[in-house]
Amino acid sequence: GQARPRSVWIDEVAFSPETRLPAVAGGRALVEGFEELSGRWAAIRIKGKDEIEVGTDAVLKITNENVKGGKGALEYQYSPGAKAATALFGSTTLRVKQPRSVSAWLKTSVPTMLAWVLSERDGSRYMATVPTAGGEWKQVRLGLGDFALDNESTDENKQLDGEQVNSMGFLDVAAMFGGAAAGETNQRT
């Protein structure tokens, strides 16, 4: 059967010059608080190694009901597909020199595994996986060293350079590989 629609909520995305835990007093630079839709985020469908489609049946909106901080959060509603993965990507403007870590509040409608993707200006992509429990907010804090170079990407120094990051994205990895989220097949208990 067809997989049920899913949602991911994202709030308070920030970079920090601290290695792991963003400093609370002034050392953190908020990239996106999602108080309003900025136009820098889009849903895309990844059809193959060299083919993406912008504009999908996914819905992107600012919600005021399911928020971690402030008055709004980005809600991304999508239907998992076996033949193409739907992902959320946005451009970023860094407001901190030499960022060494990134943090965000994430929530998913079902337990799943997300890939958090950071891309440099030269097109090299780095990924880190983030498990989610479903139905609850989770603060994710990762050092840039926690991100691995994507297998289909190259980089001149094989290292994620924070000052070169110009976009980020979130991809439901569990939906790509079989469609079922962790625990989704046992929902009848």
C-alpha atoms as a PDB file:
ATOM      1  CA  GLY A   1       0.000   0.000   0.000  1.00  0.00           C
ATOM      2  CA  GLN A   2       0.824   3.651  -0.151  1.00  0.00           C
ATOM      3  CA  ALA A   3       2.905   5.051   2.705  1.00  0.00           C
ATOM      4  CA  ARG A   4       1.150   7.517   4.953  1.00  0.00           C
ATOM      5  CA  PRO A   5       2.104  11.207   4.702  1.00  0.00           C
ATOM      6  CA  ARG A   6       4.750  12.336   7.185  1.00  0.00           C
ATOM      7  CA  SER A   7       5.784  15.625   8.725  1.00  0.00           C
ATOM      8  CA  VAL A   8       9.055  17.101   9.938  1.00  0.00           C
ATOM      9  CA  TRP A   9       9.123  20.259  12.045  1.00  0.00           C
ATOM     10  CA  ILE A  10      12.302  22.332  12.260  1.00  0.00           C
ATOM     11  CA  ASP A  11      12.999  25.262  14.563  1.00  0.00           C
ATOM     12  CA  GLU A  12      15.880  27.381  15.846  1.00  0.00           C
ATOM     13  CA  VAL A  13      18.689  26.369  13.443  1.00  0.00           C
ATOM     14  CA  ALA A  14      22.001  27.873  14.596  1.00  0.00           C
ATOM     15  CA  PHE A  15      25.753  27.697  14.011  1.00  0.00           C
ATOM     16  CA  SER A  16      28.346  28.225  16.722  1.00  0.00           C
ATOM     17  CA  PRO A  17      32.118  28.699  16.953  1.00  0.00           C
ATOM     18  CA  GLU A  18      32.073  26.159  19.807  1.00  0.00           C
ATOM     19  CA  THR A  19      33.009  22.612  18.863  1.00  0.00           C
ATOM     20  CA  ARG A  20      30.024  20.729  20.241  1.00  0.00           C
ATOM     21  CA  LEU A  21      27.738  22.689  22.552  1.00  0.00           C
ATOM     22  CA  PRO A  22      26.760  26.100  21.216  1.00  0.00           C
ATOM     23  CA  ALA A  23      27.520  28.834  23.717  1.00  0.00           C
ATOM     24  CA  VAL A  24      24.426  30.263  25.314  1.00  0.00           C
ATOM     25  CA  ALA A  25      25.699  33.819  25.820  1.00  0.00           C
ATOM     26  CA  GLY A  26      26.336  35.466  22.484  1.00  0.00           C
ATOM     27  CA  GLY A  27      28.372  32.708  20.826  1.00  0.00           C
ATOM     28  CA  ARG A  28      25.474  31.250  18.880  1.00  0.00           C
ATOM     29  CA  ALA A  29      24.244  32.661  15.601  1.00  0.00           C
ATOM     30  CA  LEU A  30      20.655  31.881  14.727  1.00  0.00           C
ATOM     31  CA  VAL A  31      20.395  30.987  11.040  1.00  0.00           C
ATOM     32  CA  GLU A  32      16.659  30.421  10.948  1.00  0.00           C
ATOM     33  CA  GLY A  33      13.996  30.867  13.613  1.00  0.00           C
ATOM     34  CA  PHE A  34      11.083  30.303  11.219  1.00  0.00           C
ATOM     35  CA  GLU A  35       8.951  33.128  12.532  1.00  0.00           C
ATOM     36  CA  GLU A  36       7.885  33.627   8.899  1.00  0.00           C
ATOM     37  CA  LEU A  37       8.489  31.812   5.617  1.00  0.00           C
ATOM     38  CA  SER A  38      11.691  33.262   4.181  1.00  0.00           C
ATOM     39  CA  GLY A  39      11.520  31.830   0.678  1.00  0.00           C
ATOM     40  CA  ARG A  40      14.965  30.276   1.136  1.00  0.00           C
ATOM     41  CA  TRP A  41      13.553  26.761   1.681  1.00  0.00           C
ATOM     42  CA  ALA A  42      12.133  24.390  -0.934  1.00  0.00           C
ATOM     43  CA  ALA A  43      11.004  20.798  -1.215  1.00  0.00           C
ATOM     44  CA  ILE A  44      12.789  18.834  -3.916  1.00  0.00           C
ATOM     45  CA  ARG A  45      12.467  15.311  -5.273  1.00  0.00           C
ATOM     46  CA  ILE A  46      15.714  13.412  -5.811  1.00  0.00           C
ATOM     47  CA  LYS A  47      15.111  11.152  -8.802  1.00  0.00           C
ATOM     48  CA  GLY A  48      18.666   9.969  -9.390  1.00  0.00           C
ATOM     49  CA  LYS A  49      22.293  10.861  -8.947  1.00  0.00           C
ATOM     50  CA  ASP A  50      22.098  13.798 -11.343  1.00  0.00           C
ATOM     51  CA  GLU A  51      18.378  14.560 -11.428  1.00  0.00           C
ATOM     52  CA  ILE A  52      16.343  16.613  -8.990  1.00  0.00           C
ATOM     53  CA  GLU A  53      12.905  18.111  -9.398  1.00  0.00           C
ATOM     54  CA  VAL A  54      11.919  21.318  -7.637  1.00  0.00           C
ATOM     55  CA  GLY A  55       8.271  21.666  -6.760  1.00  0.00           C
ATOM     56  CA  THR A  56       6.725  18.495  -5.448  1.00  0.00           C
ATOM     57  CA  ASP A  57       3.472  17.529  -3.774  1.00  0.00           C
ATOM     58  CA  ALA A  58       5.152  18.234  -0.430  1.00  0.00           C
ATOM     59  CA  VAL A  59       3.819  21.133   1.637  1.00  0.00           C
ATOM     60  CA  LEU A  60       6.059  23.712   3.314  1.00  0.00           C
ATOM     61  CA  LYS A  61       4.535  26.166   5.746  1.00  0.00           C
ATOM     62  CA  ILE A  62       5.149  28.099   8.926  1.00  0.00           C
ATOM     63  CA  THR A  63       3.118  26.694  11.773  1.00  0.00           C
ATOM     64  CA  ASN A  64       2.284  28.574  14.948  1.00  0.00           C
ATOM     65  CA  GLU A  65       0.827  25.523  16.687  1.00  0.00           C
ATOM     66  CA  ASN A  66       3.786  23.130  16.801  1.00  0.00           C
ATOM     67  CA  VAL A  67       6.689  25.351  17.872  1.00  0.00           C
ATOM     68  CA  LYS A  68       9.784  24.858  20.010  1.00  0.00           C
ATOM     69  CA  GLY A  69      11.010  28.457  20.271  1.00  0.00           C
ATOM     70  CA  GLY A  70       9.514  31.806  19.315  1.00  0.00           C
ATOM     71  CA  LYS A  71       6.206  32.004  17.471  1.00  0.00           C
ATOM     72  CA  GLY A  72       6.803  29.799  14.437  1.00  0.00           C
ATOM     73  CA  ALA A  73       8.421  26.623  13.128  1.00  0.00           C
ATOM     74  CA  LEU A  74       8.830  25.220   9.625  1.00  0.00           C
ATOM     75  CA  GLU A  75       6.488  22.306   8.918  1.00  0.00           C
ATOM     76  CA  TYR A  76       7.368  20.042   6.015  1.00  0.00           C
ATOM     77  CA  GLN A  77       4.657  17.535   4.978  1.00  0.00           C
ATOM     78  CA  TYR A  78       5.547  14.857   2.412  1.00  0.00           C
ATOM     79  CA  SER A  79       4.603  11.415   1.164  1.00  0.00           C
ATOM     80  CA  PRO A  80       7.463   8.920   1.094  1.00  0.00           C
ATOM     81  CA  GLY A  81       8.033   7.335  -2.302  1.00  0.00           C
ATOM     82  CA  ALA A  82       9.960   4.227  -3.266  1.00  0.00           C
ATOM     83  CA  LYS A  83      11.232   5.596  -6.581  1.00  0.00           C
ATOM     84  CA  ALA A  84      12.287   9.095  -5.522  1.00  0.00           C
ATOM     85  CA  ALA A  85      13.190  10.709  -2.230  1.00  0.00           C
ATOM     86  CA  THR A  86      11.676  14.019  -1.181  1.00  0.00           C
ATOM     87  CA  ALA A  87      13.991  16.353   0.686  1.00  0.00           C
ATOM     88  CA  LEU A  88      13.878  19.797   2.229  1.00  0.00           C
ATOM     89  CA  PHE A  89      16.695  22.188   1.281  1.00  0.00           C
ATOM     90  CA  GLY A  90      17.398  25.790   2.139  1.00  0.00           C
ATOM     91  CA  SER A  91      20.099  28.372   1.591  1.00  0.00           C
ATOM     92  CA  THR A  92      21.873  29.659   4.670  1.00  0.00           C
ATOM     93  CA  THR A  93      23.567  32.905   5.567  1.00  0.00           C
ATOM     94  CA  LEU A  94      26.192  32.391   8.237  1.00  0.00           C
ATOM     95  CA  ARG A  95      26.352  35.034  10.933  1.00  0.00           C
ATOM     96  CA  VAL A  96      29.285  33.619  12.865  1.00  0.00           C
ATOM     97  CA  LYS A  97      32.976  33.443  11.966  1.00  0.00           C
ATOM     98  CA  GLN A  98      34.554  29.996  11.795  1.00  0.00           C
ATOM     99  CA  PRO A  99      31.491  27.944  12.730  1.00  0.00           C
ATOM    100  CA  ARG A 100      32.423  24.594  14.253  1.00  0.00           C
ATOM    101  CA  SER A 101      29.025  23.202  15.220  1.00  0.00           C
ATOM    102  CA  VAL A 102      25.390  23.379  14.235  1.00  0.00           C
ATOM    103  CA  SER A 103      22.201  22.848  16.209  1.00  0.00           C
ATOM    104  CA  ALA A 104      18.484  22.638  15.536  1.00  0.00           C
ATOM    105  CA  TRP A 105      15.280  21.495  17.154  1.00  0.00           C
ATOM    106  CA  LEU A 106      13.658  18.683  15.140  1.00  0.00           C
ATOM    107  CA  LYS A 107      10.405  16.773  15.441  1.00  0.00           C
ATOM    108  CA  THR A 108       8.934  14.078  13.186  1.00  0.00           C
ATOM    109  CA  SER A 109       5.427  12.658  12.987  1.00  0.00           C
ATOM    110  CA  VAL A 110       6.766   9.065  13.074  1.00  0.00           C
ATOM    111  CA  PRO A 111       9.999   7.509  14.372  1.00  0.00           C
ATOM    112  CA  THR A 112      12.539   7.706  11.567  1.00  0.00           C
ATOM    113  CA  MET A 113      16.119   8.441  10.590  1.00  0.00           C
ATOM    114  CA  LEU A 114      16.862  11.840   9.059  1.00  0.00           C
ATOM    115  CA  ALA A 115      19.977  12.792   7.142  1.00  0.00           C
ATOM    116  CA  TRP A 116      21.106  16.342   7.889  1.00  0.00           C
ATOM    117  CA  VAL A 117      22.993  17.619   4.848  1.00  0.00           C
ATOM    118  CA  LEU A 118      25.368  20.592   4.785  1.00  0.00           C
ATOM    119  CA  SER A 119      26.679  21.774   1.407  1.00  0.00           C
ATOM    120  CA  GLU A 120      29.675  23.970   0.669  1.00  0.00           C
ATOM    121  CA  ARG A 121      29.752  26.636  -2.047  1.00  0.00           C
ATOM    122  CA  ASP A 122      31.811  24.307  -4.297  1.00  0.00           C
ATOM    123  CA  GLY A 123      28.965  21.749  -4.232  1.00  0.00           C
ATOM    124  CA  SER A 124      30.546  19.224  -1.876  1.00  0.00           C
ATOM    125  CA  ARG A 125      27.948  17.659   0.436  1.00  0.00           C
ATOM    126  CA  TYR A 126      28.357  16.319   3.951  1.00  0.00           C
ATOM    127  CA  MET A 127      25.810  14.259   5.901  1.00  0.00           C
ATOM    128  CA  ALA A 128      25.071  13.227   9.458  1.00  0.00           C
ATOM    129  CA  THR A 129      22.235  10.911  10.466  1.00  0.00           C
ATOM    130  CA  VAL A 130      19.788  11.876  13.185  1.00  0.00           C
ATOM    131  CA  PRO A 131      17.365   9.326  14.685  1.00  0.00           C
ATOM    132  CA  THR A 132      14.024  10.715  15.842  1.00  0.00           C
ATOM    133  CA  ALA A 133      11.480   9.184  18.202  1.00  0.00           C
ATOM    134  CA  GLY A 134       8.410  10.672  16.529  1.00  0.00           C
ATOM    135  CA  GLY A 135       5.967  13.020  18.236  1.00  0.00           C
ATOM    136  CA  GLU A 136       8.506  14.876  20.376  1.00  0.00           C
ATOM    137  CA  TRP A 137      10.962  17.723  19.927  1.00  0.00           C
ATOM    138  CA  LYS A 138      14.652  16.818  20.010  1.00  0.00           C
ATOM    139  CA  GLN A 139      17.541  19.254  20.142  1.00  0.00           C
ATOM    140  CA  VAL A 140      20.297  18.067  17.817  1.00  0.00           C
ATOM    141  CA  ARG A 141      23.802  19.483  18.316  1.00  0.00           C
ATOM    142  CA  LEU A 142      26.563  18.298  16.013  1.00  0.00           C
ATOM    143  CA  GLY A 143      30.163  19.319  15.538  1.00  0.00           C
ATOM    144  CA  LEU A 144      31.076  19.834  11.894  1.00  0.00           C
ATOM    145  CA  GLY A 145      33.423  16.839  12.292  1.00  0.00           C
ATOM    146  CA  ASP A 146      30.325  14.668  12.849  1.00  0.00           C
ATOM    147  CA  PHE A 147      29.352  15.188   9.191  1.00  0.00           C
ATOM    148  CA  ALA A 148      30.836  12.734   6.643  1.00  0.00           C
ATOM    149  CA  LEU A 149      31.537  13.516   2.997  1.00  0.00           C
ATOM    150  CA  ASP A 150      28.704  12.139   0.833  1.00  0.00           C
ATOM    151  CA  ASN A 151      29.808   9.109  -1.231  1.00  0.00           C
ATOM    152  CA  GLU A 152      28.786  10.857  -4.447  1.00  0.00           C
ATOM    153  CA  SER A 153      30.591  14.090  -3.572  1.00  0.00           C
ATOM    154  CA  THR A 154      34.181  15.304  -3.697  1.00  0.00           C
ATOM    155  CA  ASP A 155      35.970  18.012  -1.728  1.00  0.00           C
ATOM    156  CA  GLU A 156      39.410  19.520  -2.201  1.00  0.00           C
ATOM    157  CA  ASN A 157      40.446  18.958   1.420  1.00  0.00           C
ATOM    158  CA  LYS A 158      37.930  16.223   2.403  1.00  0.00           C
ATOM    159  CA  GLN A 159      36.853  18.352   5.361  1.00  0.00           C
ATOM    160  CA  LEU A 160      33.662  20.299   5.995  1.00  0.00           C
ATOM    161  CA  ASP A 161      34.647  23.962   6.152  1.00  0.00           C
ATOM    162  CA  GLY A 162      32.043  25.822   8.184  1.00  0.00           C
ATOM    163  CA  GLU A 163      32.688  29.190   6.587  1.00  0.00           C
ATOM    164  CA  GLN A 164      31.957  27.655   3.148  1.00  0.00           C
ATOM    165  CA  VAL A 165      28.524  26.228   4.081  1.00  0.00           C
ATOM    166  CA  ASN A 166      25.826  27.871   1.988  1.00  0.00           C
ATOM    167  CA  SER A 167      22.923  25.427   2.164  1.00  0.00           C
ATOM    168  CA  MET A 168      21.476  22.684   4.313  1.00  0.00           C
ATOM    169  CA  GLY A 169      18.834  20.059   3.952  1.00  0.00           C
ATOM    170  CA  PHE A 170      16.929  17.284   5.673  1.00  0.00           C
ATOM    171  CA  LEU A 171      16.109  13.946   4.088  1.00  0.00           C
ATOM    172  CA  ASP A 172      14.061  11.064   5.517  1.00  0.00           C
ATOM    173  CA  VAL A 173      16.543   8.220   5.058  1.00  0.00           C
ATOM    174  CA  ALA A 174      14.151   5.534   6.350  1.00  0.00           C
ATOM    175  CA  ALA A 175      11.617   6.510   3.686  1.00  0.00           C
ATOM    176  CA  MET A 176      14.281   6.128   0.983  1.00  0.00           C
ATOM    177  CA  PHE A 177      15.176   2.589   1.995  1.00  0.00           C
ATOM    178  CA  GLY A 178      11.887   0.738   2.129  1.00  0.00           C
ATOM    179  CA  GLY A 179       9.506   3.467   3.164  1.00  0.00           C
ATOM    180  CA  ALA A 180       8.642   2.217   6.654  1.00  0.00           C
ATOM    181  CA  ALA A 181       9.724   4.291   9.584  1.00  0.00           C
ATOM    182  CA  ALA A 182      11.125   2.584  12.620  1.00  0.00           C
ATOM    183  CA  GLY A 183       8.149   1.074  14.411  1.00  0.00           C
ATOM    184  CA  GLU A 184       5.679   2.047  11.679  1.00  0.00           C
ATOM    185  CA  THR A 185       4.993  -1.565  10.751  1.00  0.00           C
ATOM    186  CA  ASN A 186       4.001  -2.396  14.360  1.00  0.00           C
ATOM    187  CA  GLN A 187       1.519   0.439  14.853  1.00  0.00           C
ATOM    188  CA  ARG A 188      -1.421  -1.904  15.563  1.00  0.00           C
ATOM    189  CA  THR A 189      -0.324  -2.850  19.058  1.00  0.00           C
END
